[in-house]
Amino acid sequence: MAYTRVTRTANGRGALMYAAGHTKGHNGHEQRNAMVGYVNLLPGVDPADQMQTRWNKARKNHTTQVLRIVQSFSKNELNPDNPEDILTANMIGQEFVQKHYPNRQAMVFTQIDGKSGLVHNHVIISDTDLIASKGCTKDQYYFPKIMEWTNEIAGQYMELDFGDKTEDKTTQTERHKREVGEYVWKDDLKSRITESMQVSETEEDWISNLTKYGVNVEVHDSKKRGKYYTYELMDTSKFPDGKKIPANLKSRSYKLGTRYDAEEIESYFLKKEQELQKQKAVQREVPEEKVRRQEPRTKLQEQEPVSPAPKPVHRVKQKPAQKPVARPAMPKPKVPAQTTNIVRLMGEDDIDDMTDVVDEPVSRDDTDWMALALERKMRQDAKKNREKTQERLNTVRKDASYMTRLRSSDVVARIRNVQREDDNSPDL
């Protein structure tokens, strides 16, 4: 189903006279209308006079007299050469008025005299109802709603032909101007949009580049249509000299055709981005392949084999020189009394010093078994004392961490207990 336009006019009589047409139709047709239908009007009486009585009852600020709706049918829906299809079109127009514009006077003019030769209706509806003398509601003026209502009625008579989406939409007037070589501002707008797309890599670039081409664009998002653009031609330098420039040079993207709508433009830049990525990938791969295949060996590489790199040597960080520690003289094996001469450890520093002493090798004769036994004994005693001292230090540290929770008497008692243990412990 195709719809051309919906208009409101203050000259209802003129609209009725134009639609009725008492002369030949367009393109040499003998008559203008193939069929005329009446809704709440008497045939044979001037419809303008009948509607005038109602227009006179409307308020003074109610200037709109009639609503003009054009309904067009494709040849797959209604055949202009079949009289029955012409009758069907007229019945669709009358039922449309009766259901969605009740209590209003209307005329339905069914014609086939256009350049395309399609069956179409000119429905002229009075904007003043018969009961309250009020105008139409917002829905009755709203173009998408009128399309929906027409499809609803026409779908009961035929299978609707919505056709393929048109890439480039043009009106009859625009096509006629093209044929005679006149300037069409929408064609100028479309060419600027296309040129801007060709020099842009992304949608964002394209939107910013449009201003350089004399076009302003607004991005919209609606629940019904989704995302779409509103284009405005800002550069009017191509208008012929002396020709009046229209005040409104705006057009929505879906009215220009799918080629200029948001969905098609997003798809265009997505494909463009994918192609650029493929080209970059090829440019990265080809040089690497050439280097792999054509990389010659140098003479130095052919004559002298490359020796493996030496393994890194990990150097141990040396401690700063310490003062020499006096070593105790090793007791002679025949003097057993010296075996009890063991130093008693008082803290961690003493343990470390003693460990350094006993851990260092002692020069001795391998046959001196008594010296070996004494050294082993000293090592064992030092280890035990170191562990015991460490235990005591841990106890003191633990007690210190809880010092804030202990009473002074408890602290004194703990210290005395440790001292008693020291007094009772055997000498080292």
Protein backbone atom coordinates (compact mmCIF):
# COMPACT_ATOMS: atom_id res chain seq x y z
CA MET A 1 0.00 0.00 0.00
CA ALA A 2 1.43 3.39 -1.01
CA TYR A 3 0.32 6.74 0.39
CA THR A 4 1.34 10.06 -1.10
CA ARG A 5 0.27 12.81 1.28
CA VAL A 6 -2.21 14.05 3.88
CA THR A 7 -3.01 17.76 3.94
CA ARG A 8 -5.36 20.16 5.66
CA THR A 9 -6.71 23.20 3.86
CA ALA A 10 -8.78 26.25 4.70
CA ASN A 11 -10.23 26.33 1.17
CA GLY A 12 -12.58 23.38 1.25
CA ARG A 13 -14.57 24.50 -1.77
CA GLY A 14 -11.44 24.77 -3.91
CA ALA A 15 -10.24 21.31 -2.85
CA LEU A 16 -13.61 19.79 -3.79
CA MET A 17 -13.67 21.53 -7.15
CA TYR A 18 -10.13 20.38 -7.98
CA ALA A 19 -10.86 16.78 -7.02
CA ALA A 20 -14.19 16.74 -8.92
CA GLY A 21 -12.52 18.16 -12.08
CA HIS A 22 -15.01 18.95 -14.85
CA THR A 23 -12.30 18.85 -17.53
CA LYS A 24 -10.18 16.08 -19.01
CA GLY A 25 -8.00 14.08 -16.73
CA HIS A 26 -4.23 13.89 -16.65
CA ASN A 27 -2.26 12.30 -19.49
CA GLY A 28 -5.05 12.76 -22.01
CA HIS A 29 -7.77 10.83 -20.15
CA GLU A 30 -11.26 11.73 -21.24
CA GLN A 31 -12.50 12.06 -17.68
CA ARG A 32 -10.88 12.88 -14.38
CA ASN A 33 -12.73 10.50 -12.05
CA ALA A 34 -13.53 6.88 -12.68
CA MET A 35 -16.00 6.79 -9.73
CA VAL A 36 -17.33 9.19 -7.05
CA GLY A 37 -18.67 8.19 -3.64
CA TYR A 38 -20.65 10.19 -1.04
CA VAL A 39 -20.61 9.93 2.78
CA ASN A 40 -23.34 11.86 4.68
CA LEU A 41 -23.97 13.92 1.53
CA LEU A 42 -26.78 14.04 -1.03
CA PRO A 43 -25.79 13.18 -4.59
CA GLY A 44 -26.68 15.78 -7.19
CA VAL A 45 -26.29 18.70 -4.73
CA ASP A 46 -23.09 20.72 -4.61
CA PRO A 47 -21.05 19.07 -1.78
CA ALA A 48 -19.33 22.37 -0.98
CA ASP A 49 -22.70 24.02 -0.27
CA GLN A 50 -23.71 21.13 1.99
CA MET A 51 -20.45 21.33 3.95
CA GLN A 52 -20.59 25.14 4.12
CA THR A 53 -23.58 25.04 6.47
CA ARG A 54 -21.43 23.09 8.95
CA TRP A 55 -18.34 25.24 8.46
CA ASN A 56 -20.40 28.30 9.40
CA LYS A 57 -21.17 26.73 12.79
CA ALA A 58 -17.52 26.19 13.69
CA ARG A 59 -15.66 28.58 15.96
CA LYS A 60 -13.93 31.57 14.41
CA ASN A 61 -10.45 30.29 15.22
CA HIS A 62 -11.27 26.98 13.50
CA THR A 63 -9.84 27.79 10.06
CA THR A 64 -9.33 24.28 8.61
CA GLN A 65 -12.31 23.26 6.48
CA VAL A 66 -11.33 19.93 4.93
CA LEU A 67 -8.79 17.15 5.34
CA ARG A 68 -7.47 15.71 2.08
CA ILE A 69 -6.12 12.14 2.05
CA VAL A 70 -4.67 10.36 -1.00
CA GLN A 71 -4.74 6.54 -1.02
CA SER A 72 -2.84 4.77 -3.80
CA PHE A 73 -2.90 1.07 -4.75
CA SER A 74 -0.28 -0.88 -6.72
CA LYS A 75 -1.19 -2.86 -9.86
CA ASN A 76 -0.66 -6.06 -7.87
CA GLU A 77 -3.49 -4.95 -5.58
CA LEU A 78 -5.99 -3.27 -7.94
CA ASN A 79 -6.01 -3.39 -11.74
CA PRO A 80 -6.83 0.02 -13.31
CA ASP A 81 -8.31 -1.75 -16.37
CA ASN A 82 -10.80 -3.73 -14.26
CA PRO A 83 -14.03 -1.80 -13.34
CA GLU A 84 -14.58 -4.07 -10.34
CA ASP A 85 -11.23 -3.05 -8.87
CA ILE A 86 -12.16 0.62 -9.29
CA LEU A 87 -15.40 -0.04 -7.40
CA THR A 88 -13.40 -1.83 -4.68
CA ALA A 89 -11.14 1.20 -4.27
CA ASN A 90 -14.11 3.52 -3.86
CA MET A 91 -15.72 1.21 -1.30
CA ILE A 92 -12.44 1.14 0.68
CA GLY A 93 -12.46 4.96 0.78
CA GLN A 94 -16.06 5.18 1.98
CA GLU A 95 -15.61 2.50 4.66
CA PHE A 96 -12.44 4.24 5.82
CA VAL A 97 -14.39 7.48 6.41
CA GLN A 98 -17.37 5.80 8.08
CA LYS A 99 -15.22 3.87 10.56
CA HIS A 100 -12.48 6.34 11.47
CA TYR A 101 -14.21 9.71 10.74
CA PRO A 102 -17.77 9.14 11.96
CA ASN A 103 -20.37 11.94 11.83
CA ARG A 104 -18.45 13.78 9.13
CA GLN A 105 -19.29 14.61 5.52
CA ALA A 106 -16.90 13.32 2.88
CA MET A 107 -16.38 12.74 -0.83
CA VAL A 108 -14.37 9.83 -2.29
CA PHE A 109 -12.97 10.43 -5.81
CA THR A 110 -11.43 7.30 -7.37
CA GLN A 111 -9.07 8.09 -10.27
CA ILE A 112 -6.71 6.32 -12.70
CA ASP A 113 -5.50 9.37 -14.64
CA GLY A 114 -2.07 9.81 -13.04
CA LYS A 115 1.26 9.33 -14.84
CA SER A 116 1.68 5.92 -13.26
CA GLY A 117 -1.90 4.93 -14.12
CA LEU A 118 -2.47 3.46 -10.66
CA VAL A 119 -5.85 3.31 -8.96
CA HIS A 120 -5.98 5.94 -6.22
CA ASN A 121 -8.53 7.76 -4.05
CA HIS A 122 -8.78 11.45 -3.22
CA VAL A 123 -10.75 11.48 0.04
CA ILE A 124 -12.04 14.98 1.00
CA ILE A 125 -13.32 14.98 4.62
CA SER A 126 -15.01 17.93 6.33
CA ASP A 127 -13.10 19.04 9.40
CA THR A 128 -16.35 20.02 11.14
CA ASP A 129 -18.46 17.17 12.47
CA LEU A 130 -22.24 17.06 12.19
CA ILE A 131 -22.98 17.00 15.93
CA ALA A 132 -20.64 19.31 17.89
CA SER A 133 -19.16 21.25 14.93
CA LYS A 134 -15.66 20.35 16.17
CA GLY A 135 -12.48 19.56 14.27
CA CYS A 136 -10.69 16.25 13.96
CA THR A 137 -8.66 14.68 16.78
CA LYS A 138 -4.88 14.38 16.79
CA ASP A 139 -5.06 10.76 15.64
CA GLN A 140 -7.30 11.74 12.73
CA TYR A 141 -4.60 14.20 11.58
CA TYR A 142 -1.65 11.87 12.30
CA PHE A 143 -0.19 10.46 9.08
CA PRO A 144 1.12 7.11 10.48
CA LYS A 145 -2.28 6.46 12.05
CA ILE A 146 -4.01 7.15 8.74
CA MET A 147 -1.68 4.65 7.04
CA GLU A 148 -2.49 2.04 9.67
CA TRP A 149 -6.26 2.55 9.29
CA THR A 150 -6.10 2.37 5.50
CA ASN A 151 -4.12 -0.89 5.59
CA GLU A 152 -6.64 -2.28 8.05
CA ILE A 153 -9.59 -1.58 5.70
CA ALA A 154 -7.81 -2.48 2.44
CA GLY A 155 -6.47 -5.73 3.92
CA GLN A 156 -10.06 -7.01 4.16
CA TYR A 157 -10.48 -6.72 0.38
CA MET A 158 -7.09 -7.84 -0.94
CA GLU A 159 -3.61 -9.09 -0.11
CA LEU A 160 -1.54 -6.00 0.50
CA ASP A 161 1.55 -5.40 -1.61
CA PHE A 162 4.11 -3.54 0.47
CA GLY A 163 6.80 -4.04 -2.18
CA ASP A 164 10.53 -3.84 -1.69
CA LYS A 165 12.08 -1.01 0.24
CA THR A 166 12.89 1.86 -2.09
CA GLU A 167 16.54 2.88 -2.08
CA ASP A 168 15.89 6.31 -3.54
CA LYS A 169 12.45 7.81 -3.03
CA THR A 170 11.25 10.56 -5.37
CA THR A 171 7.94 12.28 -5.94
CA GLN A 172 6.17 12.85 -9.24
CA THR A 173 7.08 16.52 -9.14
CA GLU A 174 10.76 15.74 -8.59
CA ARG A 175 10.80 13.23 -11.45
CA HIS A 176 9.17 15.78 -13.75
CA LYS A 177 11.75 18.43 -12.81
CA ARG A 178 14.53 15.99 -13.59
CA GLU A 179 13.06 15.30 -17.01
CA VAL A 180 12.95 19.00 -17.95
CA GLY A 181 16.38 19.69 -16.41
CA GLU A 182 15.25 21.83 -13.46
CA TYR A 183 17.13 22.03 -10.17
CA VAL A 184 15.86 19.61 -7.46
CA TRP A 185 17.18 20.51 -4.04
CA LYS A 186 16.65 16.99 -2.64
CA ASP A 187 18.84 15.57 -5.41
CA ASP A 188 21.49 18.11 -4.43
CA LEU A 189 21.13 17.05 -0.79
CA LYS A 190 21.47 13.35 -1.67
CA SER A 191 24.62 13.91 -3.73
CA ARG A 192 26.26 15.80 -0.85
CA ILE A 193 25.39 13.00 1.58
CA THR A 194 26.89 10.39 -0.78
CA GLU A 195 30.10 12.36 -1.39
CA SER A 196 30.60 12.84 2.34
CA MET A 197 30.21 9.10 2.93
CA GLN A 198 32.89 8.28 0.35
CA VAL A 199 35.55 10.40 2.09
CA SER A 200 34.70 9.22 5.64
CA GLU A 201 35.84 6.08 7.43
CA THR A 202 33.34 6.00 10.30
CA GLU A 203 29.87 7.29 11.02
CA GLU A 204 31.31 9.91 13.37
CA ASP A 205 33.67 11.16 10.65
CA TRP A 206 30.78 11.30 8.20
CA ILE A 207 28.59 13.38 10.54
CA SER A 208 31.42 15.89 11.08
CA ASN A 209 32.26 15.97 7.35
CA LEU A 210 28.67 16.73 6.36
CA THR A 211 29.05 20.32 7.53
CA LYS A 212 31.94 20.75 5.07
CA TYR A 213 29.53 19.73 2.32
CA GLY A 214 26.89 22.26 3.37
CA VAL A 215 24.58 19.82 5.16
CA ASN A 216 23.45 19.85 8.77
CA VAL A 217 22.36 16.53 10.31
CA GLU A 218 20.45 15.64 13.48
CA VAL A 219 20.38 12.13 14.96
CA HIS A 220 17.03 10.94 16.35
CA ASP A 221 15.80 7.78 18.05
CA SER A 222 12.10 6.93 18.25
CA LYS A 223 10.26 3.90 19.58
CA LYS A 224 8.45 3.35 16.29
CA ARG A 225 11.18 3.92 13.69
CA GLY A 226 14.29 3.51 15.76
CA LYS A 227 17.32 5.53 14.76
CA TYR A 228 17.02 8.01 11.87
CA TYR A 229 18.55 11.30 10.65
CA THR A 230 17.12 14.68 9.76
CA TYR A 231 19.10 16.36 6.98
CA GLU A 232 19.03 20.08 6.26
CA LEU A 233 20.54 21.65 3.15
CA MET A 234 22.45 24.74 4.35
CA ASP A 235 24.31 25.63 1.14
CA THR A 236 21.82 27.20 -1.28
CA SER A 237 24.39 28.43 -3.80
CA LYS A 238 23.17 25.99 -6.46
CA PHE A 239 19.65 27.38 -6.53
CA PRO A 240 18.98 29.20 -9.83
CA ASP A 241 19.21 32.99 -9.68
CA GLY A 242 15.86 34.64 -9.10
CA LYS A 243 14.21 31.43 -7.90
CA LYS A 244 12.58 31.53 -4.48
CA ILE A 245 14.38 29.36 -1.95
CA PRO A 246 11.99 27.32 0.25
CA ALA A 247 12.02 28.19 3.93
CA ASN A 248 12.23 24.51 4.90
CA LEU A 249 15.04 22.51 3.30
CA LYS A 250 14.84 19.61 5.75
CA SER A 251 14.07 15.97 5.08
CA ARG A 252 14.06 12.87 7.26
CA SER A 253 16.31 10.03 6.17
CA TYR A 254 13.56 7.43 5.70
CA LYS A 255 11.73 9.81 3.33
CA LEU A 256 14.75 10.01 1.06
CA GLY A 257 15.06 6.22 0.75
CA THR A 258 16.81 3.34 2.48
CA ARG A 259 20.15 4.36 0.96
CA TYR A 260 20.20 7.44 3.19
CA ASP A 261 18.63 5.92 6.30
CA ALA A 262 20.51 5.09 9.52
CA GLU A 263 20.47 1.32 9.12
CA GLU A 264 21.99 1.39 5.62
CA ILE A 265 24.62 3.99 6.56
CA GLU A 266 25.71 2.03 9.65
CA SER A 267 26.00 -1.10 7.47
CA TYR A 268 28.03 0.84 4.90
CA PHE A 269 30.61 2.02 7.43
CA LEU A 270 30.76 -1.41 9.10
CA LYS A 271 31.69 -3.02 5.78
CA LYS A 272 34.17 -0.23 5.11
CA GLU A 273 35.84 -0.78 8.47
CA GLN A 274 36.07 -4.55 7.87
CA GLU A 275 37.71 -3.99 4.49
CA LEU A 276 40.26 -1.60 6.03
CA GLN A 277 41.12 -4.16 8.71
CA LYS A 278 41.62 -6.86 6.06
CA GLN A 279 43.93 -4.58 4.08
CA LYS A 280 45.98 -3.76 7.19
CA ALA A 281 46.23 -7.46 8.06
CA VAL A 282 47.51 -8.26 4.54
CA GLN A 283 50.05 -5.44 4.74
CA ARG A 284 51.34 -6.81 8.04
CA GLU A 285 51.58 -10.42 6.83
CA VAL A 286 53.21 -9.92 3.40
CA PRO A 287 56.43 -8.19 4.58
CA GLU A 288 56.99 -10.82 7.27
CA GLU A 289 56.68 -13.58 4.68
CA LYS A 290 59.20 -11.86 2.41
CA VAL A 291 61.65 -11.47 5.26
CA ARG A 292 61.31 -15.17 6.13
CA ARG A 293 61.82 -16.37 2.57
CA GLN A 294 64.37 -13.90 1.23
CA GLU A 295 66.52 -13.10 4.27
CA PRO A 296 70.12 -13.93 3.12
CA ARG A 297 72.81 -15.17 5.43
CA THR A 298 75.78 -12.85 5.84
CA LYS A 299 79.35 -14.04 5.09
CA LEU A 300 80.25 -13.76 8.75
CA GLN A 301 77.35 -16.08 9.62
CA GLU A 302 78.47 -18.63 6.99
CA GLN A 303 82.17 -18.64 7.99
CA GLU A 304 82.14 -18.29 11.77
CA PRO A 305 79.70 -20.32 13.84
CA VAL A 306 78.09 -18.41 16.61
CA SER A 307 79.16 -19.67 20.03
CA PRO A 308 76.47 -19.95 22.65
CA ALA A 309 76.18 -17.07 25.04
CA PRO A 310 77.95 -17.69 28.39
CA LYS A 311 75.68 -18.49 31.25
CA PRO A 312 75.32 -15.68 33.77
CA VAL A 313 77.39 -16.11 36.91
CA HIS A 314 75.52 -15.47 40.09
CA ARG A 315 77.85 -13.88 42.60
CA VAL A 316 77.06 -14.18 46.26
CA LYS A 317 76.99 -10.87 47.96
CA GLN A 318 79.87 -10.85 50.42
CA LYS A 319 79.32 -9.70 53.96
CA PRO A 320 81.48 -6.86 55.22
CA ALA A 321 84.65 -7.94 56.98
CA GLN A 322 84.14 -8.62 60.63
CA LYS A 323 86.61 -8.46 63.42
CA PRO A 324 88.32 -11.79 64.00
CA VAL A 325 86.71 -13.80 66.74
CA ALA A 326 89.03 -15.31 69.25
CA ARG A 327 88.72 -19.06 69.08
CA PRO A 328 88.96 -21.03 72.31
CA ALA A 329 91.95 -23.29 72.47
CA MET A 330 91.07 -26.90 71.81
CA PRO A 331 91.57 -28.94 74.99
CA LYS A 332 93.98 -31.80 74.96
CA PRO A 333 92.34 -35.25 75.00
CA LYS A 334 94.16 -36.25 78.22
CA VAL A 335 92.59 -33.45 80.28
CA PRO A 336 88.87 -34.35 80.68
CA ALA A 337 88.22 -31.40 82.99
CA GLN A 338 88.20 -29.05 80.02
CA THR A 339 85.08 -30.75 78.61
CA THR A 340 82.98 -28.93 81.19
CA ASN A 341 84.36 -25.52 80.15
CA ILE A 342 81.31 -24.51 78.03
CA VAL A 343 80.23 -20.91 77.62
CA ARG A 344 76.70 -20.12 78.81
CA LEU A 345 74.58 -18.25 76.23
CA MET A 346 72.66 -15.17 77.34
CA GLY A 347 70.93 -14.01 74.15
CA GLU A 348 70.55 -14.18 70.36
CA ASP A 349 73.81 -12.29 69.71
CA ASP A 350 75.72 -14.74 71.90
CA ILE A 351 74.09 -17.66 70.05
CA ASP A 352 75.15 -16.25 66.68
CA ASP A 353 78.71 -15.64 67.91
CA MET A 354 78.99 -19.16 69.29
CA THR A 355 77.51 -20.59 66.08
CA ASP A 356 80.15 -18.77 64.05
CA VAL A 357 82.83 -20.26 66.31
CA VAL A 358 81.64 -23.87 66.27
CA ASP A 359 80.58 -23.86 62.58
CA GLU A 360 84.01 -22.85 61.32
CA PRO A 361 86.36 -25.74 60.56
CA VAL A 362 89.08 -26.33 63.13
CA SER A 363 92.53 -27.36 62.07
CA ARG A 364 93.25 -30.71 63.65
CA ASP A 365 94.79 -34.04 63.16
CA ASP A 366 92.44 -36.67 61.68
CA THR A 367 93.63 -39.18 64.28
CA ASP A 368 92.68 -36.97 67.20
CA TRP A 369 89.34 -38.65 67.96
CA MET A 370 89.01 -36.91 71.35
CA ALA A 371 89.06 -33.50 69.68
CA LEU A 372 86.34 -34.65 67.28
CA ALA A 373 84.17 -35.87 70.12
CA LEU A 374 84.63 -32.62 72.02
CA GLU A 375 83.73 -30.60 68.93
CA ARG A 376 80.59 -32.68 68.35
CA LYS A 377 79.59 -32.22 72.01
CA MET A 378 80.06 -28.45 71.75
CA ARG A 379 77.90 -28.33 68.62
CA GLN A 380 75.06 -30.28 70.25
CA ASP A 381 75.14 -28.17 73.43
CA ALA A 382 75.19 -24.95 71.41
CA LYS A 383 72.19 -26.09 69.38
CA LYS A 384 70.19 -26.99 72.50
CA ASN A 385 71.02 -23.72 74.21
CA ARG A 386 70.13 -21.77 71.07
CA GLU A 387 66.71 -23.43 70.86
CA LYS A 388 66.05 -22.91 74.56
CA THR A 389 67.08 -19.28 74.46
CA GLN A 390 64.90 -18.73 71.39
CA GLU A 391 61.94 -20.22 73.25
CA ARG A 392 62.45 -17.80 76.11
CA LEU A 393 62.72 -14.85 73.76
CA ASN A 394 59.49 -15.88 72.04
CA THR A 395 57.76 -16.09 75.42
CA VAL A 396 58.94 -12.61 76.37
CA ARG A 397 57.81 -11.19 73.00
CA LYS A 398 54.43 -12.84 73.34
CA ASP A 399 54.00 -11.46 76.80
CA ALA A 400 55.03 -8.01 75.60
CA SER A 401 52.31 -8.03 72.90
CA TYR A 402 49.69 -8.57 75.54
CA MET A 403 51.25 -6.19 78.03
CA THR A 404 48.46 -3.67 77.66
CA ARG A 405 45.96 -6.28 78.87
CA LEU A 406 47.98 -7.54 81.86
CA ARG A 407 48.05 -6.06 85.32
CA SER A 408 51.37 -5.04 86.82
CA SER A 409 51.17 -7.85 89.37
CA ASP A 410 50.77 -10.43 86.60
CA VAL A 411 53.80 -9.05 84.77
CA VAL A 412 55.95 -9.22 87.93
CA ALA A 413 54.81 -12.78 88.53
CA ARG A 414 55.73 -13.83 85.01
CA ILE A 415 59.22 -12.29 85.31
CA ARG A 416 59.83 -14.09 88.63
CA ASN A 417 58.78 -17.40 87.10
CA VAL A 418 61.25 -16.96 84.27
CA GLN A 419 64.01 -16.12 86.76
CA ARG A 420 63.21 -19.20 88.82
CA GLU A 421 63.44 -21.36 85.71
CA ASP A 422 66.86 -19.82 84.96
CA ASP A 423 68.07 -20.51 88.50
CA ASN A 424 66.86 -24.08 88.38
CA SER A 425 68.29 -24.78 84.94
CA PRO A 426 71.61 -26.66 84.78
CA ASP A 427 74.70 -24.71 83.87
CA LEU A 428 75.72 -24.88 80.21
